[in-house]
N, C-alpha and C. Protein backbone atom coordinates (compact mmCIF):
# COMPACT_ATOMS: atom_id res chain seq x y z
N UNK A 1 -31.56 8.93 2.66
CA UNK A 1 -32.13 7.81 2.08
C UNK A 1 -30.42 7.58 1.65
N UNK A 2 -29.85 6.51 1.24
CA UNK A 2 -28.85 6.01 0.74
C UNK A 2 -29.08 5.61 -0.46
N UNK A 3 -28.26 6.48 -1.36
CA UNK A 3 -28.54 5.89 -2.66
C UNK A 3 -26.55 5.20 -2.92
N UNK A 4 -26.82 3.83 -3.57
CA UNK A 4 -25.70 3.52 -4.02
C UNK A 4 -24.71 3.91 -5.11
N UNK A 5 -23.55 3.94 -5.08
CA UNK A 5 -22.89 4.35 -6.28
C UNK A 5 -22.63 3.37 -7.56
N UNK A 6 -22.69 3.33 -8.31
CA UNK A 6 -22.71 2.42 -9.72
C UNK A 6 -21.08 1.82 -9.48
N UNK A 7 -20.93 0.80 -9.57
CA UNK A 7 -19.73 0.60 -9.82
C UNK A 7 -18.88 1.03 -11.35
N UNK A 8 -17.58 1.33 -11.41
CA UNK A 8 -17.31 1.52 -12.47
C UNK A 8 -16.88 0.23 -13.41
N UNK A 9 -17.37 -0.19 -14.52
CA UNK A 9 -17.64 -1.24 -15.51
C UNK A 9 -15.86 -1.49 -15.68
N UNK A 10 -15.63 -2.81 -16.16
CA UNK A 10 -14.18 -3.41 -16.65
C UNK A 10 -14.46 -2.66 -18.44
N UNK A 11 -12.99 -2.46 -18.65
CA UNK A 11 -12.33 -1.71 -19.80
C UNK A 11 -12.74 -2.90 -20.86
N UNK A 12 -13.33 -2.85 -21.79
CA UNK A 12 -13.58 -3.71 -23.24
C UNK A 12 -12.16 -3.98 -23.73
N UNK A 13 -11.44 -4.90 -24.01
CA UNK A 13 -10.63 -5.38 -24.78
C UNK A 13 -10.49 -4.84 -26.36
N UNK A 14 -9.86 -4.57 -26.74
CA UNK A 14 -9.52 -3.61 -28.25
C UNK A 14 -9.55 -4.73 -28.88
N UNK A 15 -8.89 -5.93 -28.81
CA UNK A 15 -8.72 -6.94 -29.97
C UNK A 15 -9.69 -7.60 -30.22
N UNK A 16 -9.98 -8.68 -30.87
CA UNK A 16 -10.95 -9.71 -30.92
C UNK A 16 -11.52 -10.61 -29.88
N UNK A 17 -10.28 -11.05 -29.38
CA UNK A 17 -10.61 -11.83 -28.28
C UNK A 17 -10.78 -11.25 -26.92
N UNK A 18 -11.79 -12.00 -26.66
CA UNK A 18 -12.49 -11.71 -25.14
C UNK A 18 -11.59 -11.90 -23.95
N UNK A 19 -11.41 -11.31 -22.92
CA UNK A 19 -10.52 -12.01 -21.95
C UNK A 19 -11.37 -12.94 -21.14
N UNK A 20 -10.50 -13.94 -20.50
CA UNK A 20 -10.93 -15.41 -20.12
C UNK A 20 -11.57 -15.20 -18.99
N UNK A 21 -11.38 -14.15 -17.94
CA UNK A 21 -12.14 -13.74 -17.14
C UNK A 21 -12.82 -12.34 -17.04
N UNK A 22 -13.55 -12.45 -17.47
CA UNK A 22 -14.29 -10.97 -17.60
C UNK A 22 -14.79 -10.58 -16.61
N UNK A 23 -14.77 -9.57 -16.05
CA UNK A 23 -15.49 -8.80 -15.24
C UNK A 23 -16.49 -8.30 -15.32
N UNK A 24 -17.78 -8.98 -14.78
CA UNK A 24 -19.31 -7.92 -14.70
C UNK A 24 -19.69 -7.61 -13.63
N UNK A 25 -20.08 -5.88 -13.70
CA UNK A 25 -20.61 -5.38 -12.64
C UNK A 25 -22.09 -5.76 -11.96
N UNK A 26 -22.36 -5.40 -11.00
CA UNK A 26 -23.11 -6.36 -10.17
C UNK A 26 -24.52 -5.52 -10.96
N UNK A 27 -25.10 -6.63 -10.77
CA UNK A 27 -26.56 -6.23 -11.44
C UNK A 27 -27.81 -5.78 -10.66
N UNK A 28 -27.58 -5.98 -9.50
CA UNK A 28 -28.75 -5.79 -8.53
C UNK A 28 -28.46 -4.18 -8.10
N UNK A 29 -29.52 -3.42 -8.03
CA UNK A 29 -29.65 -2.02 -7.69
C UNK A 29 -29.50 -1.71 -6.33
N UNK A 30 -29.62 -2.56 -5.54
CA UNK A 30 -29.57 -2.52 -3.92
C UNK A 30 -28.44 -3.02 -3.50
N UNK A 31 -27.29 -3.28 -4.39
CA UNK A 31 -26.14 -4.26 -3.32
C UNK A 31 -25.68 -3.30 -2.59
N UNK A 32 -25.22 -4.18 -1.11
CA UNK A 32 -24.77 -3.54 -0.15
C UNK A 32 -23.34 -3.22 -0.19
N UNK A 33 -22.84 -2.69 0.41
CA UNK A 33 -21.20 -2.33 0.50
C UNK A 33 -19.98 -3.50 0.33
N UNK A 34 -20.46 -4.50 0.85
CA UNK A 34 -19.82 -5.65 1.35
C UNK A 34 -19.79 -6.38 -0.07
N UNK A 35 -20.96 -6.67 -0.66
CA UNK A 35 -21.30 -6.98 -2.02
C UNK A 35 -20.47 -6.38 -3.31
N UNK A 36 -20.34 -5.28 -3.13
CA UNK A 36 -20.05 -4.38 -4.30
C UNK A 36 -18.47 -4.52 -4.28
N UNK A 37 -18.12 -4.33 -3.27
CA UNK A 37 -16.63 -4.41 -2.88
C UNK A 37 -15.99 -5.96 -2.97
N UNK A 38 -16.97 -7.28 -2.90
CA UNK A 38 -16.36 -8.26 -3.17
C UNK A 38 -16.49 -8.61 -4.76
N UNK A 39 -17.44 -7.89 -5.33
CA UNK A 39 -17.47 -7.90 -6.95
C UNK A 39 -16.39 -6.94 -7.42
N UNK A 40 -16.14 -5.93 -6.86
CA UNK A 40 -14.87 -5.19 -7.30
C UNK A 40 -13.58 -6.24 -7.08
N UNK A 41 -13.02 -6.64 -5.84
CA UNK A 41 -12.16 -7.74 -5.53
C UNK A 41 -12.28 -8.82 -6.72
N UNK A 42 -13.56 -9.38 -6.95
CA UNK A 42 -13.26 -10.44 -7.97
C UNK A 42 -13.07 -9.97 -9.53
N UNK A 43 -13.19 -8.60 -9.63
CA UNK A 43 -12.67 -8.01 -11.05
C UNK A 43 -11.51 -7.83 -11.06
N UNK A 44 -10.86 -7.60 -9.93
CA UNK A 44 -9.12 -7.58 -10.15
C UNK A 44 -8.83 -9.00 -9.86
N UNK A 45 -9.20 -9.90 -9.03
CA UNK A 45 -8.35 -11.18 -9.80
C UNK A 45 -8.77 -11.59 -11.00
N UNK A 46 -10.15 -11.21 -11.50
CA UNK A 46 -10.26 -11.42 -13.44
C UNK A 46 -9.16 -11.03 -13.92
N UNK A 47 -8.97 -10.03 -13.75
CA UNK A 47 -7.70 -9.21 -14.60
C UNK A 47 -6.97 -9.42 -14.21
N UNK A 48 -6.10 -9.61 -13.42
CA UNK A 48 -5.09 -10.50 -12.99
C UNK A 48 -4.76 -11.57 -13.94
N UNK A 49 -5.84 -12.48 -13.77
CA UNK A 49 -6.05 -13.78 -14.42
C UNK A 49 -5.57 -13.70 -15.71
N UNK A 50 -6.65 -13.15 -16.32
CA UNK A 50 -6.32 -12.55 -17.64
C UNK A 50 -4.98 -12.00 -18.19
N UNK A 51 -4.46 -11.15 -17.72
CA UNK A 51 -3.04 -10.52 -17.92
C UNK A 51 -1.92 -11.96 -17.89
N UNK A 52 -2.34 -12.97 -16.78
CA UNK A 52 -1.43 -13.51 -16.80
C UNK A 52 -1.32 -15.08 -17.93
N UNK A 53 -2.78 -15.19 -18.21
CA UNK A 53 -3.05 -15.97 -19.59
C UNK A 53 -2.36 -15.52 -20.55
N UNK A 54 -2.33 -13.73 -21.04
CA UNK A 54 -2.09 -13.39 -22.06
C UNK A 54 -0.18 -13.82 -22.19
N UNK A 55 0.33 -13.36 -20.78
CA UNK A 55 1.45 -13.45 -20.21
C UNK A 55 2.16 -14.90 -21.19
N UNK A 56 1.42 -15.70 -20.54
CA UNK A 56 1.87 -17.44 -20.63
C UNK A 56 1.95 -17.82 -22.24
N UNK A 57 0.39 -17.06 -22.54
CA UNK A 57 0.50 -17.22 -24.32
C UNK A 57 1.76 -16.36 -25.11
N UNK A 58 1.63 -15.21 -24.74
CA UNK A 58 3.03 -14.53 -25.01
C UNK A 58 4.36 -15.23 -24.96
N UNK A 59 4.73 -15.97 -23.97
CA UNK A 59 6.01 -16.75 -23.36
C UNK A 59 5.92 -18.07 -24.65
N UNK A 60 4.90 -18.19 -24.99
CA UNK A 60 5.05 -19.76 -26.04
C UNK A 60 5.02 -19.44 -27.21
N UNK A 61 4.58 -18.18 -27.78
CA UNK A 61 4.45 -17.73 -28.81
C UNK A 61 3.20 -17.84 -29.19
N UNK A 62 2.18 -18.10 -28.61
CA UNK A 62 0.62 -18.24 -29.19
C UNK A 62 -0.05 -16.95 -29.16
N UNK A 63 0.69 -15.94 -28.48
CA UNK A 63 -0.34 -14.39 -28.77
C UNK A 63 -0.01 -13.84 -30.10
N UNK A 64 -0.63 -13.46 -30.95
CA UNK A 64 -0.67 -12.94 -31.97
C UNK A 64 -0.61 -11.01 -31.66
N UNK A 65 -1.11 -10.50 -30.97
CA UNK A 65 -1.30 -9.34 -30.93
C UNK A 65 -0.67 -8.71 -29.53
N UNK A 66 0.58 -8.41 -29.69
CA UNK A 66 1.13 -8.13 -28.42
C UNK A 66 0.84 -6.76 -27.47
N UNK A 67 -0.06 -5.74 -28.47
CA UNK A 67 -0.97 -4.99 -28.19
C UNK A 67 -2.23 -5.49 -26.53
N UNK A 68 -2.48 -6.40 -27.12
CA UNK A 68 -3.75 -7.30 -26.05
C UNK A 68 -2.82 -7.30 -24.46
N UNK A 69 -1.61 -8.25 -24.84
CA UNK A 69 -0.89 -8.06 -23.44
C UNK A 69 -0.83 -7.02 -22.82
N UNK A 70 0.02 -5.94 -23.55
CA UNK A 70 -0.12 -4.75 -22.54
C UNK A 70 -1.09 -3.93 -21.99
N UNK A 71 -2.26 -4.06 -22.75
CA UNK A 71 -3.51 -3.20 -22.24
C UNK A 71 -3.76 -4.65 -21.04
N UNK A 72 -3.71 -5.67 -21.02
CA UNK A 72 -4.30 -6.75 -19.95
C UNK A 72 -3.45 -6.28 -18.83
N UNK A 73 -2.16 -6.13 -18.79
CA UNK A 73 -1.02 -5.96 -17.98
C UNK A 73 -1.55 -4.46 -17.02
N UNK A 74 -1.68 -3.34 -18.31
CA UNK A 74 -1.47 -2.02 -17.54
C UNK A 74 -3.49 -2.14 -16.79
N UNK A 75 -4.07 -2.75 -17.47
CA UNK A 75 -5.70 -2.56 -16.64
C UNK A 75 -5.54 -3.27 -15.51
N UNK A 76 -4.84 -4.71 -15.50
CA UNK A 76 -4.59 -5.22 -14.09
C UNK A 76 -3.73 -4.56 -13.32
N UNK A 77 -2.77 -3.87 -13.33
CA UNK A 77 -2.06 -2.67 -12.78
C UNK A 77 -2.70 -1.59 -12.22
N UNK A 78 -3.43 -1.16 -12.76
CA UNK A 78 -4.13 0.13 -12.62
C UNK A 78 -5.30 -0.41 -11.34
N UNK A 79 -6.27 -1.40 -11.85
CA UNK A 79 -7.48 -2.26 -11.06
C UNK A 79 -6.70 -2.68 -9.23
N UNK A 80 -5.11 -3.33 -9.35
CA UNK A 80 -4.43 -3.28 -7.90
C UNK A 80 -4.39 -2.03 -7.64
N UNK A 81 -3.96 -0.75 -8.23
CA UNK A 81 -3.69 -0.05 -7.49
C UNK A 81 -4.84 0.76 -6.60
N UNK A 82 -5.96 0.59 -7.51
CA UNK A 82 -7.30 1.56 -7.27
C UNK A 82 -7.63 0.48 -5.90
N UNK A 83 -7.81 -0.91 -5.83
CA UNK A 83 -7.96 -1.52 -4.87
C UNK A 83 -7.10 -1.20 -3.91
N UNK A 84 -5.77 -1.00 -3.78
CA UNK A 84 -4.72 -0.66 -2.77
C UNK A 84 -5.31 0.79 -2.12
N UNK A 85 -5.57 1.67 -3.31
CA UNK A 85 -5.94 2.87 -2.45
C UNK A 85 -7.34 3.00 -1.88
N UNK A 86 -8.01 2.22 -2.26
CA UNK A 86 -9.07 1.77 -1.45
C UNK A 86 -9.02 1.26 -0.55
N UNK A 87 -7.76 0.76 0.11
CA UNK A 87 -8.14 -0.48 1.15
C UNK A 87 -7.45 0.83 2.08
N UNK A 88 -6.43 1.18 1.17
CA UNK A 88 -5.73 2.38 2.48
C UNK A 88 -6.66 3.51 2.65
N UNK A 89 -7.84 3.98 2.14
CA UNK A 89 -8.52 5.15 2.62
C UNK A 89 -10.00 4.37 3.62
N UNK A 90 -10.05 3.34 3.24
CA UNK A 90 -10.52 2.66 4.40
C UNK A 90 -10.20 2.61 5.60
N UNK A 91 -9.16 1.94 5.93
CA UNK A 91 -8.08 1.87 7.05
C UNK A 91 -7.90 3.07 7.87
N UNK A 92 -7.58 4.68 6.90
CA UNK A 92 -7.29 5.42 7.40
C UNK A 92 -9.24 6.32 7.85
N UNK A 93 -10.14 5.83 7.19
CA UNK A 93 -11.11 6.29 7.57
C UNK A 93 -11.65 6.06 9.07
N UNK A 94 -11.38 4.20 8.82
CA UNK A 94 -11.50 3.50 9.85
C UNK A 94 -10.85 4.06 11.36
N UNK A 95 -9.74 4.15 11.09
CA UNK A 95 -8.82 5.24 12.33
C UNK A 95 -9.12 6.17 12.56
N UNK A 96 -9.96 7.04 11.96
CA UNK A 96 -10.47 8.47 12.45
C UNK A 96 -11.73 8.02 12.89
N UNK A 97 -12.47 7.54 12.97
CA UNK A 97 -13.45 7.30 13.51
C UNK A 97 -13.28 6.45 14.61
N UNK A 98 -12.59 5.60 14.79
CA UNK A 98 -12.06 5.03 15.75
C UNK A 98 -11.33 6.34 16.96
N UNK A 99 -10.81 7.21 16.50
CA UNK A 99 -9.97 8.35 17.02
C UNK A 99 -11.04 8.97 17.61
N UNK A 100 -12.00 9.41 17.39
CA UNK A 100 -13.42 10.45 17.63
C UNK A 100 -13.96 9.92 18.64
N UNK A 101 -13.64 8.38 19.00
CA UNK A 101 -14.64 7.89 20.00
C UNK A 101 -13.96 8.11 21.48
N UNK A 102 -12.76 8.19 21.11
CA UNK A 102 -12.06 8.11 22.83
C UNK A 102 -12.03 9.29 23.47
C-alpha cells in the first residue's frame, strides 16, 4: 500500500497583508503524484507573482514594510530552487530506470 506524502504548506507572511496569490496545499488525501506536482508548481507561480507584486509596490513607493518584499523574494527563490532540484532528481531517476532496462 502506497501512502502519499503530504506537501509542505506555504510560509505565512509576517506582515498584516496577505499575499496576493497564497498557495494552498491540496485538500484531498488521495491525490496522485501529478496532482501534487501541479499544486506545487502553482504554489511556486503564486509565490513568484506575490514577490513581483511587492517589488512593483516597492518601486512605486506604495510598500510601507520592505521586510515583506525581502521575505516574499526569498520565499519565491527557495521555492524555485526546490522545484528545480526536484526536476533534476526526477530526470536522474528516470534515466537510471531507463538504464536498468537496457
